[in-house]
Amino acid sequence: MRAAEPGQARLWVNLGKASGLDAPGVTSALEAAGAPAGKVQHVELLGAFSYVFVPEGDVAGFEAASGQKHGERSIKIERAKK
């Protein structure tokens, strides 16, 4: 498990391999939901969810996309707890 670098935030997103997505797919889904484009620096893709690394200054823009839909599913985006 990777830690966020200085100036970077680690976000938990409820999209992953189980959603039929790969890392670029998670990025595209977030951008389509209104998250800031071109700001995802790294995606740690897991089964039912992913960790997305973004610049600290863009966290609010990603959190604002939480609740938008990806297909039938509501996207949840929040700061990772660990």
PDB file of N, CA and C in Angstrom:
ATOM      1  N   MET A   1       0.840  -1.188   0.000  1.00  0.00           N
ATOM      2  CA  MET A   1       0.000   0.000   0.000  1.00  0.00           C
ATOM      3  C   MET A   1       0.879   1.243   0.000  1.00  0.00           C
ATOM      4  N   ARG A   2       0.568   2.128  -0.892  1.00  0.00           N
ATOM      5  CA  ARG A   2       1.379   3.322  -1.075  1.00  0.00           C
ATOM      6  C   ARG A   2       0.856   4.473  -0.202  1.00  0.00           C
ATOM      7  N   ALA A   3       1.751   5.275   0.313  1.00  0.00           N
ATOM      8  CA  ALA A   3       1.357   6.450   1.101  1.00  0.00           C
ATOM      9  C   ALA A   3       1.382   7.680   0.201  1.00  0.00           C
ATOM     10  N   ALA A   4       0.584   8.659   0.574  1.00  0.00           N
ATOM     11  CA  ALA A   4       0.577   9.908  -0.177  1.00  0.00           C
ATOM     12  C   ALA A   4       1.898  10.640   0.049  1.00  0.00           C
ATOM     13  N   GLU A   5       2.391  11.282  -0.987  1.00  0.00           N
ATOM     14  CA  GLU A   5       3.612  12.080  -0.889  1.00  0.00           C
ATOM     15  C   GLU A   5       3.243  13.455  -0.341  1.00  0.00           C
ATOM     16  N   PRO A   6       4.225  14.245   0.095  1.00  0.00           N
ATOM     17  CA  PRO A   6       3.910  15.597   0.571  1.00  0.00           C
ATOM     18  C   PRO A   6       3.170  16.394  -0.509  1.00  0.00           C
ATOM     19  N   GLY A   7       2.099  17.081  -0.110  1.00  0.00           N
ATOM     20  CA  GLY A   7       1.320  17.859  -1.058  1.00  0.00           C
ATOM     21  C   GLY A   7       0.311  17.037  -1.837  1.00  0.00           C
ATOM     22  N   GLN A   8       0.227  15.757  -1.497  1.00  0.00           N
ATOM     23  CA  GLN A   8      -0.660  14.841  -2.220  1.00  0.00           C
ATOM     24  C   GLN A   8      -1.668  14.251  -1.228  1.00  0.00           C
ATOM     25  N   ALA A   9      -2.874  14.007  -1.697  1.00  0.00           N
ATOM     26  CA  ALA A   9      -3.897  13.388  -0.856  1.00  0.00           C
ATOM     27  C   ALA A   9      -4.259  12.024  -1.422  1.00  0.00           C
ATOM     28  N   ARG A  10      -4.626  11.113  -0.540  1.00  0.00           N
ATOM     29  CA  ARG A  10      -5.042   9.761  -0.927  1.00  0.00           C
ATOM     30  C   ARG A  10      -6.537   9.672  -0.688  1.00  0.00           C
ATOM     31  N   LEU A  11      -7.281   9.462  -1.759  1.00  0.00           N
ATOM     32  CA  LEU A  11      -8.734   9.400  -1.673  1.00  0.00           C
ATOM     33  C   LEU A  11      -9.232   7.976  -1.881  1.00  0.00           C
ATOM     34  N   TRP A  12     -10.275   7.608  -1.133  1.00  0.00           N
ATOM     35  CA  TRP A  12     -10.936   6.316  -1.297  1.00  0.00           C
ATOM     36  C   TRP A  12     -12.100   6.518  -2.257  1.00  0.00           C
ATOM     37  N   VAL A  13     -12.209   5.649  -3.242  1.00  0.00           N
ATOM     38  CA  VAL A  13     -13.284   5.732  -4.245  1.00  0.00           C
ATOM     39  C   VAL A  13     -13.925   4.352  -4.356  1.00  0.00           C
ATOM     40  N   ASN A  14     -15.248   4.296  -4.401  1.00  0.00           N
ATOM     41  CA  ASN A  14     -15.943   2.998  -4.442  1.00  0.00           C
ATOM     42  C   ASN A  14     -16.047   2.415  -5.849  1.00  0.00           C
ATOM     43  N   LEU A  15     -15.041   2.635  -6.664  1.00  0.00           N
ATOM     44  CA  LEU A  15     -14.953   2.034  -7.996  1.00  0.00           C
ATOM     45  C   LEU A  15     -13.665   1.220  -8.063  1.00  0.00           C
ATOM     46  N   GLY A  16     -13.743   0.033  -8.658  1.00  0.00           N
ATOM     47  CA  GLY A  16     -12.552  -0.804  -8.768  1.00  0.00           C
ATOM     48  C   GLY A  16     -12.749  -1.869  -9.827  1.00  0.00           C
ATOM     49  N   LYS A  17     -11.980  -2.946  -9.704  1.00  0.00           N
ATOM     50  CA  LYS A  17     -12.065  -4.034 -10.682  1.00  0.00           C
ATOM     51  C   LYS A  17     -13.469  -4.623 -10.744  1.00  0.00           C
ATOM     52  N   ALA A  18     -14.161  -4.683  -9.595  1.00  0.00           N
ATOM     53  CA  ALA A  18     -15.516  -5.244  -9.556  1.00  0.00           C
ATOM     54  C   ALA A  18     -16.495  -4.399 -10.377  1.00  0.00           C
ATOM     55  N   SER A  19     -16.155  -3.130 -10.599  1.00  0.00           N
ATOM     56  CA  SER A  19     -16.983  -2.243 -11.432  1.00  0.00           C
ATOM     57  C   SER A  19     -16.623  -2.401 -12.909  1.00  0.00           C
ATOM     58  N   GLY A  20     -15.676  -3.313 -13.204  1.00  0.00           N
ATOM     59  CA  GLY A  20     -15.249  -3.536 -14.578  1.00  0.00           C
ATOM     60  C   GLY A  20     -14.271  -2.480 -15.078  1.00  0.00           C
ATOM     61  N   LEU A  21     -13.590  -1.817 -14.137  1.00  0.00           N
ATOM     62  CA  LEU A  21     -12.686  -0.724 -14.517  1.00  0.00           C
ATOM     63  C   LEU A  21     -11.227  -1.086 -14.298  1.00  0.00           C
ATOM     64  N   ASP A  22     -10.360  -0.459 -15.104  1.00  0.00           N
ATOM     65  CA  ASP A  22      -8.924  -0.497 -14.858  1.00  0.00           C
ATOM     66  C   ASP A  22      -8.543   0.901 -14.354  1.00  0.00           C
ATOM     67  N   ALA A  23      -7.267   1.136 -14.090  1.00  0.00           N
ATOM     68  CA  ALA A  23      -6.844   2.432 -13.544  1.00  0.00           C
ATOM     69  C   ALA A  23      -7.265   3.612 -14.430  1.00  0.00           C
ATOM     70  N   PRO A  24      -7.017   3.569 -15.763  1.00  0.00           N
ATOM     71  CA  PRO A  24      -7.481   4.683 -16.600  1.00  0.00           C
ATOM     72  C   PRO A  24      -9.009   4.813 -16.586  1.00  0.00           C
ATOM     73  N   GLY A  25      -9.705   3.693 -16.423  1.00  0.00           N
ATOM     74  CA  GLY A  25     -11.169   3.715 -16.367  1.00  0.00           C
ATOM     75  C   GLY A  25     -11.681   4.429 -15.127  1.00  0.00           C
ATOM     76  N   VAL A  26     -11.005   4.224 -13.991  1.00  0.00           N
ATOM     77  CA  VAL A  26     -11.380   4.918 -12.753  1.00  0.00           C
ATOM     78  C   VAL A  26     -11.185   6.423 -12.943  1.00  0.00           C
ATOM     79  N   THR A  27     -10.046   6.799 -13.511  1.00  0.00           N
ATOM     80  CA  THR A  27      -9.768   8.222 -13.766  1.00  0.00           C
ATOM     81  C   THR A  27     -10.843   8.816 -14.674  1.00  0.00           C
ATOM     82  N   SER A  28     -11.179   8.116 -15.754  1.00  0.00           N
ATOM     83  CA  SER A  28     -12.204   8.606 -16.688  1.00  0.00           C
ATOM     84  C   SER A  28     -13.563   8.734 -16.013  1.00  0.00           C
ATOM     85  N   ALA A  29     -13.921   7.759 -15.185  1.00  0.00           N
ATOM     86  CA  ALA A  29     -15.213   7.800 -14.491  1.00  0.00           C
ATOM     87  C   ALA A  29     -15.281   9.003 -13.559  1.00  0.00           C
ATOM     88  N   LEU A  30     -14.190   9.278 -12.854  1.00  0.00           N
ATOM     89  CA  LEU A  30     -14.170  10.425 -11.935  1.00  0.00           C
ATOM     90  C   LEU A  30     -14.274  11.740 -12.703  1.00  0.00           C
ATOM     91  N   GLU A  31     -13.525  11.852 -13.797  1.00  0.00           N
ATOM     92  CA  GLU A  31     -13.564  13.077 -14.602  1.00  0.00           C
ATOM     93  C   GLU A  31     -14.946  13.262 -15.222  1.00  0.00           C
ATOM     94  N   ALA A  32     -15.575  12.158 -15.663  1.00  0.00           N
ATOM     95  CA  ALA A  32     -16.920  12.241 -16.235  1.00  0.00           C
ATOM     96  C   ALA A  32     -17.934  12.682 -15.181  1.00  0.00           C
ATOM     97  N   ALA A  33     -17.647  12.383 -13.910  1.00  0.00           N
ATOM     98  CA  ALA A  33     -18.540  12.762 -12.812  1.00  0.00           C
ATOM     99  C   ALA A  33     -18.313  14.209 -12.370  1.00  0.00           C
ATOM    100  N   GLY A  34     -17.316  14.871 -12.963  1.00  0.00           N
ATOM    101  CA  GLY A  34     -17.087  16.277 -12.642  1.00  0.00           C
ATOM    102  C   GLY A  34     -15.843  16.561 -11.825  1.00  0.00           C
ATOM    103  N   ALA A  35     -15.049  15.529 -11.524  1.00  0.00           N
ATOM    104  CA  ALA A  35     -13.790  15.758 -10.799  1.00  0.00           C
ATOM    105  C   ALA A  35     -12.825  16.508 -11.725  1.00  0.00           C
ATOM    106  N   PRO A  36     -11.894  17.272 -11.137  1.00  0.00           N
ATOM    107  CA  PRO A  36     -10.951  18.031 -11.970  1.00  0.00           C
ATOM    108  C   PRO A  36     -10.181  17.140 -12.940  1.00  0.00           C
ATOM    109  N   ALA A  37     -10.184  17.490 -14.198  1.00  0.00           N
ATOM    110  CA  ALA A  37      -9.525  16.697 -15.245  1.00  0.00           C
ATOM    111  C   ALA A  37      -8.009  16.814 -15.155  1.00  0.00           C
ATOM    112  N   GLY A  38      -7.339  15.707 -15.413  1.00  0.00           N
ATOM    113  CA  GLY A  38      -5.880  15.707 -15.476  1.00  0.00           C
ATOM    114  C   GLY A  38      -5.184  15.801 -14.132  1.00  0.00           C
ATOM    115  N   LYS A  39      -5.919  15.625 -13.035  1.00  0.00           N
ATOM    116  CA  LYS A  39      -5.322  15.793 -11.704  1.00  0.00           C
ATOM    117  C   LYS A  39      -5.000  14.486 -10.995  1.00  0.00           C
ATOM    118  N   VAL A  40      -5.482  13.355 -11.518  1.00  0.00           N
ATOM    119  CA  VAL A  40      -5.185  12.071 -10.886  1.00  0.00           C
ATOM    120  C   VAL A  40      -3.722  11.726 -11.177  1.00  0.00           C
ATOM    121  N   GLN A  41      -2.930  11.547 -10.113  1.00  0.00           N
ATOM    122  CA  GLN A  41      -1.509  11.273 -10.270  1.00  0.00           C
ATOM    123  C   GLN A  41      -1.195   9.787 -10.213  1.00  0.00           C
ATOM    124  N   HIS A  42      -2.045   9.028  -9.522  1.00  0.00           N
ATOM    125  CA  HIS A  42      -1.826   7.586  -9.402  1.00  0.00           C
ATOM    126  C   HIS A  42      -3.122   6.926  -8.957  1.00  0.00           C
ATOM    127  N   VAL A  43      -3.401   5.729  -9.463  1.00  0.00           N
ATOM    128  CA  VAL A  43      -4.558   4.954  -9.028  1.00  0.00           C
ATOM    129  C   VAL A  43      -4.064   3.614  -8.511  1.00  0.00           C
ATOM    130  N   GLU A  44      -4.457   3.270  -7.291  1.00  0.00           N
ATOM    131  CA  GLU A  44      -4.172   1.966  -6.713  1.00  0.00           C
ATOM    132  C   GLU A  44      -5.473   1.169  -6.840  1.00  0.00           C
ATOM    133  N   LEU A  45      -5.567   0.345  -7.870  1.00  0.00           N
ATOM    134  CA  LEU A  45      -6.792  -0.369  -8.216  1.00  0.00           C
ATOM    135  C   LEU A  45      -6.932  -1.644  -7.384  1.00  0.00           C
ATOM    136  N   LEU A  46      -8.066  -1.770  -6.692  1.00  0.00           N
ATOM    137  CA  LEU A  46      -8.338  -2.961  -5.901  1.00  0.00           C
ATOM    138  C   LEU A  46      -9.660  -3.553  -6.365  1.00  0.00           C
ATOM    139  N   GLY A  47     -10.161  -4.547  -5.650  1.00  0.00           N
ATOM    140  CA  GLY A  47     -11.376  -5.232  -6.072  1.00  0.00           C
ATOM    141  C   GLY A  47     -12.608  -4.345  -6.133  1.00  0.00           C
ATOM    142  N   ALA A  48     -13.147  -4.016  -4.972  1.00  0.00           N
ATOM    143  CA  ALA A  48     -14.407  -3.265  -4.920  1.00  0.00           C
ATOM    144  C   ALA A  48     -14.190  -1.750  -4.843  1.00  0.00           C
ATOM    145  N   PHE A  49     -12.958  -1.330  -4.663  1.00  0.00           N
ATOM    146  CA  PHE A  49     -12.677   0.108  -4.533  1.00  0.00           C
ATOM    147  C   PHE A  49     -11.260   0.402  -4.999  1.00  0.00           C
ATOM    148  N   SER A  50     -10.913   1.675  -4.988  1.00  0.00           N
ATOM    149  CA  SER A  50      -9.570   2.101  -5.379  1.00  0.00           C
ATOM    150  C   SER A  50      -9.126   3.246  -4.488  1.00  0.00           C
ATOM    151  N   TYR A  51      -7.827   3.456  -4.450  1.00  0.00           N
ATOM    152  CA  TYR A  51      -7.257   4.654  -3.848  1.00  0.00           C
ATOM    153  C   TYR A  51      -6.741   5.505  -4.996  1.00  0.00           C
ATOM    154  N   VAL A  52      -7.091   6.772  -4.958  1.00  0.00           N
ATOM    155  CA  VAL A  52      -6.711   7.710  -6.011  1.00  0.00           C
ATOM    156  C   VAL A  52      -5.862   8.802  -5.363  1.00  0.00           C
ATOM    157  N   PHE A  53      -4.708   9.075  -5.944  1.00  0.00           N
ATOM    158  CA  PHE A  53      -3.796  10.086  -5.411  1.00  0.00           C
ATOM    159  C   PHE A  53      -3.919  11.352  -6.242  1.00  0.00           C
ATOM    160  N   VAL A  54      -4.194  12.464  -5.563  1.00  0.00           N
ATOM    161  CA  VAL A  54      -4.404  13.748  -6.244  1.00  0.00           C
ATOM    162  C   VAL A  54      -3.678  14.855  -5.476  1.00  0.00           C
ATOM    163  N   PRO A  55      -3.421  16.003  -6.115  1.00  0.00           N
ATOM    164  CA  PRO A  55      -2.812  17.117  -5.387  1.00  0.00           C
ATOM    165  C   PRO A  55      -3.739  17.565  -4.248  1.00  0.00           C
ATOM    166  N   GLU A  56      -3.160  17.885  -3.109  1.00  0.00           N
ATOM    167  CA  GLU A  56      -3.920  18.313  -1.933  1.00  0.00           C
ATOM    168  C   GLU A  56      -4.912  19.429  -2.273  1.00  0.00           C
ATOM    169  N   GLY A  57      -4.493  20.357  -3.120  1.00  0.00           N
ATOM    170  CA  GLY A  57      -5.346  21.499  -3.481  1.00  0.00           C
ATOM    171  C   GLY A  57      -6.568  21.140  -4.317  1.00  0.00           C
ATOM    172  N   ASP A  58      -6.627  19.915  -4.830  1.00  0.00           N
ATOM    173  CA  ASP A  58      -7.753  19.494  -5.674  1.00  0.00           C
ATOM    174  C   ASP A  58      -8.730  18.561  -4.966  1.00  0.00           C
ATOM    175  N   VAL A  59      -8.498  18.300  -3.674  1.00  0.00           N
ATOM    176  CA  VAL A  59      -9.359  17.368  -2.938  1.00  0.00           C
ATOM    177  C   VAL A  59     -10.817  17.811  -2.969  1.00  0.00           C
ATOM    178  N   ALA A  60     -11.082  19.094  -2.736  1.00  0.00           N
ATOM    179  CA  ALA A  60     -12.467  19.578  -2.704  1.00  0.00           C
ATOM    180  C   ALA A  60     -13.175  19.333  -4.035  1.00  0.00           C
ATOM    181  N   GLY A  61     -12.462  19.482  -5.131  1.00  0.00           N
ATOM    182  CA  GLY A  61     -13.044  19.235  -6.444  1.00  0.00           C
ATOM    183  C   GLY A  61     -13.428  17.779  -6.646  1.00  0.00           C
ATOM    184  N   PHE A  62     -12.631  16.878  -6.071  1.00  0.00           N
ATOM    185  CA  PHE A  62     -12.953  15.447  -6.162  1.00  0.00           C
ATOM    186  C   PHE A  62     -14.115  15.108  -5.230  1.00  0.00           C
ATOM    187  N   GLU A  63     -14.077  15.652  -4.008  1.00  0.00           N
ATOM    188  CA  GLU A  63     -15.167  15.384  -3.067  1.00  0.00           C
ATOM    189  C   GLU A  63     -16.493  15.914  -3.597  1.00  0.00           C
ATOM    190  N   ALA A  64     -16.454  16.994  -4.365  1.00  0.00           N
ATOM    191  CA  ALA A  64     -17.676  17.565  -4.951  1.00  0.00           C
ATOM    192  C   ALA A  64     -18.310  16.624  -5.972  1.00  0.00           C
ATOM    193  N   ALA A  65     -17.511  15.725  -6.559  1.00  0.00           N
ATOM    194  CA  ALA A  65     -18.034  14.767  -7.540  1.00  0.00           C
ATOM    195  C   ALA A  65     -18.679  13.555  -6.860  1.00  0.00           C
ATOM    196  N   SER A  66     -18.497  13.432  -5.553  1.00  0.00           N
ATOM    197  CA  SER A  66     -19.111  12.333  -4.814  1.00  0.00           C
ATOM    198  C   SER A  66     -20.629  12.453  -4.917  1.00  0.00           C
ATOM    199  N   GLY A  67     -21.290  11.328  -5.129  1.00  0.00           N
ATOM    200  CA  GLY A  67     -22.744  11.346  -5.281  1.00  0.00           C
ATOM    201  C   GLY A  67     -23.201  11.339  -6.727  1.00  0.00           C
ATOM    202  N   GLN A  68     -22.277  11.635  -7.656  1.00  0.00           N
ATOM    203  CA  GLN A  68     -22.609  11.565  -9.080  1.00  0.00           C
ATOM    204  C   GLN A  68     -22.702  10.098  -9.482  1.00  0.00           C
ATOM    205  N   LYS A  69     -23.272   9.841 -10.623  1.00  0.00           N
ATOM    206  CA  LYS A  69     -23.479   8.456 -11.055  1.00  0.00           C
ATOM    207  C   LYS A  69     -22.384   7.975 -12.009  1.00  0.00           C
ATOM    208  N   HIS A  70     -22.037   6.703 -11.864  1.00  0.00           N
ATOM    209  CA  HIS A  70     -21.238   5.989 -12.864  1.00  0.00           C
ATOM    210  C   HIS A  70     -22.123   4.809 -13.246  1.00  0.00           C
ATOM    211  N   GLY A  71     -22.779   4.903 -14.366  1.00  0.00           N
ATOM    212  CA  GLY A  71     -23.785   3.904 -14.722  1.00  0.00           C
ATOM    213  C   GLY A  71     -24.938   4.012 -13.733  1.00  0.00           C
ATOM    214  N   GLU A  72     -25.265   2.915 -13.090  1.00  0.00           N
ATOM    215  CA  GLU A  72     -26.360   2.895 -12.113  1.00  0.00           C
ATOM    216  C   GLU A  72     -25.877   3.204 -10.698  1.00  0.00           C
ATOM    217  N   ARG A  73     -24.583   3.267 -10.542  1.00  0.00           N
ATOM    218  CA  ARG A  73     -24.000   3.356  -9.210  1.00  0.00           C
ATOM    219  C   ARG A  73     -23.632   4.784  -8.831  1.00  0.00           C
ATOM    220  N   SER A  74     -23.930   5.164  -7.580  1.00  0.00           N
ATOM    221  CA  SER A  74     -23.484   6.464  -7.077  1.00  0.00           C
ATOM    222  C   SER A  74     -22.011   6.350  -6.674  1.00  0.00           C
ATOM    223  N   ILE A  75     -21.229   7.299  -7.127  1.00  0.00           N
ATOM    224  CA  ILE A  75     -19.798   7.303  -6.788  1.00  0.00           C
ATOM    225  C   ILE A  75     -19.624   7.898  -5.395  1.00  0.00           C
ATOM    226  N   LYS A  76     -18.798   7.240  -4.588  1.00  0.00           N
ATOM    227  CA  LYS A  76     -18.441   7.778  -3.280  1.00  0.00           C
ATOM    228  C   LYS A  76     -16.951   8.099  -3.310  1.00  0.00           C
ATOM    229  N   ILE A  77     -16.623   9.308  -2.899  1.00  0.00           N
ATOM    230  CA  ILE A  77     -15.225   9.746  -2.857  1.00  0.00           C
ATOM    231  C   ILE A  77     -14.998  10.394  -1.499  1.00  0.00           C
ATOM    232  N   GLU A  78     -14.019   9.924  -0.769  1.00  0.00           N
ATOM    233  CA  GLU A  78     -13.692  10.543   0.519  1.00  0.00           C
ATOM    234  C   GLU A  78     -12.209  10.364   0.802  1.00  0.00           C
ATOM    235  N   ARG A  79     -11.701  11.193   1.683  1.00  0.00           N
ATOM    236  CA  ARG A  79     -10.294  11.083   2.071  1.00  0.00           C
ATOM    237  C   ARG A  79     -10.065   9.727   2.725  1.00  0.00           C
ATOM    238  N   ALA A  80      -9.015   9.022   2.315  1.00  0.00           N
ATOM    239  CA  ALA A  80      -8.726   7.695   2.874  1.00  0.00           C
ATOM    240  C   ALA A  80      -8.438   7.814   4.360  1.00  0.00           C
ATOM    241  N   LYS A  81      -8.968   6.865   5.129  1.00  0.00           N
ATOM    242  CA  LYS A  81      -8.795   6.914   6.591  1.00  0.00           C
ATOM    243  C   LYS A  81      -7.414   6.461   7.041  1.00  0.00           C
ATOM    244  N   LYS A  82      -6.767   5.582   6.249  1.00  0.00           N
ATOM    245  CA  LYS A  82      -5.419   5.134   6.619  1.00  0.00           C
ATOM    246  C   LYS A  82      -4.455   5.437   5.492  1.00  0.00           C
TER     247      LYS A  82
END
